[in-house]
């Protein structure tokens, strides 16, 4: 009998996953497989040991992008080359949205049991790995300041509403970027480094991104007037990002070193990251993902 560990975040997405546990367990039993639940907790230190002892065929990460990041970090640091399935149930599910694997869960469960996987790159910042997004600047600060109750009630809309309210106070920071040996200087409101095409729930935000090309895509919104900023925002929101837009710095590279002329906090897959400067590298084909 194939065994899978289900790592779930008990508070992700209005705690919806707790109510779906029995459904998931039944779905795998129906396919002749065992599902072993593992409940995450703050400052979790047992996950790696639990997965190693369970000796599963693969691991299911149920939650948002932060839960997936946690699972990926445990597997890579513990040198457990196990395929990962993603069951999105959090506020932010950009990576699973890019993969489109949750559109038909019954079909996805069949693919998991059959062992259908692909290899994906991840980003590395120091000794931490991220799966989809690293960012810094005004929007990162907004995301960290959103009230938890508002976030749970409104999901991504809470970030956008707070961001609109902060527009009059948006200011730039001077960025120094080194990317694969090339140097860039620009004044920007914020930047994101992405692995997939989706960031912040915005589809096709990084249209050139691929999960297995050994590169990450950096997008920095340059200093510009409000009409230009709104025009750029409209194109990104509508999924028509133009990498050649004069108000957008778009770079593809395997490594980035980024510093700023003022203190700035980063974000990794929706969670607080270190202060700038950052040195980010692509780790090619680092993980297996069930598709």
Protein backbone atom coordinates (compact mmCIF):
# COMPACT_ATOMS: atom_id res chain seq x y z
CA UNK A 1 0.00 0.00 0.00
CA UNK A 2 1.36 3.41 -0.98
CA UNK A 3 1.65 5.88 1.88
CA UNK A 4 1.50 9.66 1.70
CA UNK A 5 2.09 12.18 4.48
CA UNK A 6 -0.46 15.01 4.51
CA UNK A 7 1.15 18.12 5.99
CA UNK A 8 -1.63 20.60 6.78
CA UNK A 9 -1.86 24.03 8.30
CA UNK A 10 -4.76 23.95 10.81
CA UNK A 11 -5.50 27.69 10.51
CA UNK A 12 -4.96 28.22 6.78
CA UNK A 13 -7.91 29.46 4.74
CA UNK A 14 -10.43 29.82 7.59
CA UNK A 15 -9.30 26.41 8.91
CA UNK A 16 -11.11 24.84 5.94
CA UNK A 17 -8.65 21.96 5.65
CA UNK A 18 -9.59 20.55 9.06
CA UNK A 19 -13.13 20.09 7.78
CA UNK A 20 -11.84 18.36 4.62
CA UNK A 21 -9.52 15.87 6.31
CA UNK A 22 -11.97 13.00 6.23
CA UNK A 23 -12.74 13.65 2.56
CA UNK A 24 -9.05 13.53 1.67
CA UNK A 25 -8.39 10.40 3.71
CA UNK A 26 -11.38 8.67 2.09
CA UNK A 27 -10.22 9.70 -1.41
CA UNK A 28 -6.84 8.02 -0.92
CA UNK A 29 -8.27 4.94 0.80
CA UNK A 30 -10.54 4.55 -2.22
CA UNK A 31 -7.39 4.40 -4.33
CA UNK A 32 -5.78 1.79 -2.09
CA UNK A 33 -3.46 4.29 -0.39
CA UNK A 34 -2.83 5.42 3.18
CA UNK A 35 -2.88 9.11 4.08
CA UNK A 36 -0.97 10.00 7.26
CA UNK A 37 -1.87 13.50 8.62
CA UNK A 38 0.76 15.79 10.11
CA UNK A 39 -0.45 19.00 11.75
CA UNK A 40 1.98 21.94 11.50
CA UNK A 41 2.62 24.24 14.44
CA UNK A 42 4.52 27.43 15.20
CA UNK A 43 8.30 26.81 15.29
CA UNK A 44 7.77 23.23 14.09
CA UNK A 45 10.85 21.03 14.53
CA UNK A 46 9.41 17.53 14.13
CA UNK A 47 8.23 17.45 10.53
CA UNK A 48 11.45 16.12 9.02
CA UNK A 49 11.71 13.29 11.57
CA UNK A 50 8.03 12.43 11.12
CA UNK A 51 8.32 12.21 7.33
CA UNK A 52 11.50 10.16 7.49
CA UNK A 53 9.94 7.69 9.93
CA UNK A 54 6.76 7.43 7.85
CA UNK A 55 8.82 6.58 4.73
CA UNK A 56 6.08 7.78 2.36
CA UNK A 57 5.80 7.68 -1.41
CA UNK A 58 5.26 11.42 -1.36
CA UNK A 59 4.12 14.40 0.69
CA UNK A 60 0.94 16.45 0.33
CA UNK A 61 1.26 20.11 1.37
CA UNK A 62 -2.19 21.46 2.28
CA UNK A 63 -2.40 25.18 2.98
CA UNK A 64 -1.14 28.35 1.30
CA UNK A 65 2.19 29.22 -0.29
CA UNK A 66 3.71 29.52 3.19
CA UNK A 67 2.85 25.89 4.00
CA UNK A 68 4.38 24.74 0.72
CA UNK A 69 7.52 26.76 1.50
CA UNK A 70 7.75 25.08 4.92
CA UNK A 71 7.48 21.60 3.41
CA UNK A 72 10.04 22.37 0.69
CA UNK A 73 12.53 23.70 3.26
CA UNK A 74 12.16 20.59 5.43
CA UNK A 75 12.61 18.18 2.51
CA UNK A 76 15.63 19.98 1.04
CA UNK A 77 17.39 20.50 4.37
CA UNK A 78 16.72 16.89 5.39
CA UNK A 79 17.82 15.68 1.94
CA UNK A 80 14.52 13.89 1.39
CA UNK A 81 13.94 13.73 -2.37
CA UNK A 82 10.22 13.06 -2.18
CA UNK A 83 7.62 14.37 -4.64
CA UNK A 84 5.23 17.01 -3.30
CA UNK A 85 1.53 17.40 -4.03
CA UNK A 86 -0.15 20.74 -3.37
CA UNK A 87 -3.67 21.11 -1.99
CA UNK A 88 -4.36 24.84 -1.91
CA UNK A 89 -6.41 26.10 1.03
CA UNK A 90 -4.71 29.34 2.11
CA UNK A 91 -5.07 33.04 1.37
CA UNK A 92 -2.29 32.87 -1.19
CA UNK A 93 -2.08 29.90 -3.56
CA UNK A 94 -0.10 31.36 -6.45
CA UNK A 95 2.10 28.35 -7.14
CA UNK A 96 -0.76 25.85 -7.30
CA UNK A 97 -2.73 28.31 -9.45
CA UNK A 98 0.14 28.38 -11.93
CA UNK A 99 0.23 24.58 -12.06
CA UNK A 100 -3.61 24.34 -12.35
CA UNK A 101 -3.56 21.02 -10.52
CA UNK A 102 -6.45 21.75 -8.16
CA UNK A 103 -9.04 22.41 -10.87
CA UNK A 104 -10.11 18.75 -10.75
CA UNK A 105 -9.01 17.20 -7.48
CA UNK A 106 -10.22 13.68 -8.28
CA UNK A 107 -8.08 13.69 -11.42
CA UNK A 108 -5.17 15.16 -9.46
CA UNK A 109 -5.42 12.39 -6.85
CA UNK A 110 -5.20 9.84 -9.69
CA UNK A 111 -2.05 11.54 -10.96
CA UNK A 112 -0.53 11.55 -7.46
CA UNK A 113 -1.14 7.84 -6.98
CA UNK A 114 0.21 7.12 -10.47
CA UNK A 115 3.39 9.08 -9.63
CA UNK A 116 3.10 11.75 -12.33
CA UNK A 117 5.69 14.43 -11.50
CA UNK A 118 7.80 17.24 -12.91
CA UNK A 119 11.01 18.83 -11.64
CA UNK A 120 10.94 22.50 -10.56
CA UNK A 121 13.49 25.14 -9.67
CA UNK A 122 13.35 26.97 -6.34
CA UNK A 123 15.01 30.12 -5.03
CA UNK A 124 17.53 30.16 -2.19
CA UNK A 125 18.26 33.07 0.12
CA UNK A 126 20.97 32.15 2.61
CA UNK A 127 19.88 28.85 4.16
CA UNK A 128 16.20 29.42 3.31
CA UNK A 129 14.39 28.27 0.19
CA UNK A 130 11.35 29.87 -1.41
CA UNK A 131 9.11 28.35 -4.03
CA UNK A 132 7.49 31.25 -5.82
CA UNK A 133 8.12 34.84 -4.68
CA UNK A 134 10.69 37.02 -2.95
CA UNK A 135 9.90 40.73 -2.74
CA UNK A 136 10.67 44.02 -1.02
CA UNK A 137 9.38 47.59 -1.11
CA UNK A 138 6.08 49.35 -0.53
CA UNK A 139 3.74 46.46 -1.35
CA UNK A 140 5.72 44.10 0.85
CA UNK A 141 5.27 46.50 3.77
CA UNK A 142 1.54 46.70 3.03
CA UNK A 143 1.21 42.91 3.05
CA UNK A 144 2.93 42.65 6.43
CA UNK A 145 0.71 45.34 7.92
CA UNK A 146 -2.63 43.87 6.81
CA UNK A 147 -4.71 42.98 9.86
CA UNK A 148 -5.04 39.18 10.25
CA UNK A 149 -8.82 39.43 10.72
CA UNK A 150 -9.17 41.45 7.51
CA UNK A 151 -6.96 38.96 5.68
CA UNK A 152 -9.08 36.01 6.79
CA UNK A 153 -12.31 37.81 5.90
CA UNK A 154 -11.32 39.15 2.49
CA UNK A 155 -8.33 37.11 1.30
CA UNK A 156 -6.19 38.83 -1.35
CA UNK A 157 -8.67 41.71 -1.61
CA UNK A 158 -7.40 42.87 1.79
CA UNK A 159 -3.93 43.43 0.36
CA UNK A 160 -5.24 45.33 -2.65
CA UNK A 161 -7.51 47.56 -0.57
CA UNK A 162 -4.71 48.39 1.83
CA UNK A 163 -2.38 49.03 -1.11
CA UNK A 164 -4.81 51.47 -2.73
CA UNK A 165 -5.08 53.35 0.55
CA UNK A 166 -1.29 53.69 0.67
CA UNK A 167 -0.87 54.99 -2.91
CA UNK A 168 -0.55 58.67 -1.90
CA UNK A 169 2.37 57.76 0.39
CA UNK A 170 4.23 55.50 -2.05
CA UNK A 171 7.88 56.44 -2.33
CA UNK A 172 10.79 54.87 -4.10
CA UNK A 173 14.05 53.35 -2.96
CA UNK A 174 17.26 53.37 -4.96
CA UNK A 175 18.09 49.80 -5.95
CA UNK A 176 21.47 48.41 -6.92
CA UNK A 177 20.98 45.07 -8.69
CA UNK A 178 23.59 42.61 -9.87
CA UNK A 179 22.16 39.83 -12.04
CA UNK A 180 24.40 37.21 -13.62
CA UNK A 181 27.30 39.67 -13.86
CA UNK A 182 25.26 42.64 -15.13
CA UNK A 183 24.59 45.72 -13.00
CA UNK A 184 21.43 47.82 -12.86
CA UNK A 185 20.63 51.01 -10.97
CA UNK A 186 17.05 52.19 -10.66
CA UNK A 187 14.66 54.04 -8.38
CA UNK A 188 11.73 51.69 -7.76
CA UNK A 189 8.63 51.46 -5.58
CA UNK A 190 9.09 47.74 -5.08
CA UNK A 191 10.40 44.59 -6.73
CA UNK A 192 9.36 40.96 -6.91
CA UNK A 193 11.44 37.95 -7.89
CA UNK A 194 9.20 35.17 -9.14
CA UNK A 195 9.50 31.55 -10.18
CA UNK A 196 6.07 31.07 -11.81
CA UNK A 197 3.97 33.40 -13.94
CA UNK A 198 1.67 34.27 -11.01
CA UNK A 199 2.44 36.66 -8.15
CA UNK A 200 0.02 38.14 -5.63
CA UNK A 201 -2.87 36.38 -7.32
CA UNK A 202 -2.14 38.22 -10.58
CA UNK A 203 -2.10 35.85 -13.53
CA UNK A 204 0.62 36.29 -16.14
CA UNK A 205 2.36 38.90 -13.96
CA UNK A 206 5.70 37.45 -15.13
CA UNK A 207 4.91 36.20 -18.65
CA UNK A 208 8.42 34.92 -19.42
CA UNK A 209 8.76 32.80 -16.27
CA UNK A 210 9.24 29.04 -16.44
CA UNK A 211 9.60 26.61 -13.54
CA UNK A 212 12.46 24.62 -15.03
CA UNK A 213 14.64 27.11 -16.90
CA UNK A 214 17.23 27.58 -14.13
CA UNK A 215 16.31 31.26 -13.81
CA UNK A 216 14.11 33.54 -11.74
CA UNK A 217 12.34 36.63 -13.07
CA UNK A 218 12.77 40.04 -11.38
CA UNK A 219 10.18 42.77 -11.89
CA UNK A 220 10.81 46.23 -10.42
CA UNK A 221 8.27 49.04 -10.80
CA UNK A 222 10.30 52.13 -11.60
CA UNK A 223 9.59 55.62 -10.27
CA UNK A 224 6.94 57.25 -12.46
CA UNK A 225 3.94 59.56 -12.35
CA UNK A 226 0.62 58.36 -10.93
CA UNK A 227 -1.08 58.04 -14.38
CA UNK A 228 1.80 55.88 -15.64
CA UNK A 229 1.78 53.83 -12.43
CA UNK A 230 -1.96 53.20 -12.75
CA UNK A 231 -1.60 52.27 -16.43
CA UNK A 232 1.13 49.77 -15.58
CA UNK A 233 -0.96 48.37 -12.71
CA UNK A 234 -3.95 47.98 -15.04
CA UNK A 235 -1.89 46.02 -17.58
CA UNK A 236 -0.48 43.71 -14.89
CA UNK A 237 -3.89 43.14 -13.27
CA UNK A 238 -5.41 42.29 -16.66
CA UNK A 239 -2.66 39.73 -17.32
CA UNK A 240 -0.99 41.79 -20.05
CA UNK A 241 2.36 42.58 -18.47
CA UNK A 242 4.79 43.94 -21.05
CA UNK A 243 8.42 43.10 -20.14
CA UNK A 244 9.49 46.04 -22.34
CA UNK A 245 7.35 48.64 -20.50
CA UNK A 246 9.58 51.65 -19.80
CA UNK A 247 8.28 51.83 -16.21
CA UNK A 248 9.12 48.18 -15.52
CA UNK A 249 12.56 46.66 -15.07
CA UNK A 250 12.26 43.00 -16.08
CA UNK A 251 15.32 40.75 -15.68
CA UNK A 252 15.77 36.99 -15.99
CA UNK A 253 18.82 35.57 -14.22
CA UNK A 254 20.09 32.62 -12.21
CA UNK A 255 21.30 34.83 -9.35
CA UNK A 256 20.59 38.30 -7.97
CA UNK A 257 22.28 40.53 -5.42
CA UNK A 258 20.06 43.45 -4.44
CA UNK A 259 20.76 46.36 -2.11
CA UNK A 260 18.91 49.59 -1.39
CA UNK A 261 19.74 53.05 -0.10
CA UNK A 262 17.45 52.62 2.91
CA UNK A 263 16.31 49.79 5.21
CA UNK A 264 13.80 47.48 3.53
CA UNK A 265 12.27 44.21 4.73
CA UNK A 266 11.78 41.32 2.35
CA UNK A 267 9.03 38.75 2.00
CA UNK A 268 9.44 35.09 1.04
CA UNK A 269 6.31 33.28 -0.16
CA UNK A 270 4.07 35.52 1.93
CA UNK A 271 6.15 35.42 5.11
CA UNK A 272 8.61 37.93 6.58
CA UNK A 273 12.12 37.59 5.24
CA UNK A 274 15.43 39.29 6.10
CA UNK A 275 16.34 42.92 5.54
CA UNK A 276 18.11 43.95 2.36
CA UNK A 277 20.71 43.39 0.97
CA UNK A 278 19.70 40.03 -0.48
CA UNK A 279 21.65 37.45 -2.42
CA UNK A 280 19.26 35.09 -4.19
CA UNK A 281 20.21 32.06 -6.25
CA UNK A 282 18.21 29.66 -8.37
CA UNK A 283 18.50 25.99 -7.39
CA UNK A 284 17.70 24.17 -10.64
CA UNK A 285 15.38 21.14 -10.59
CA UNK A 286 15.50 21.11 -6.80
CA UNK A 287 12.09 19.56 -6.11
CA UNK A 288 9.63 17.11 -7.58
CA UNK A 289 6.00 18.22 -7.86
CA UNK A 290 3.05 15.94 -8.52
CA UNK A 291 1.10 17.17 -11.54
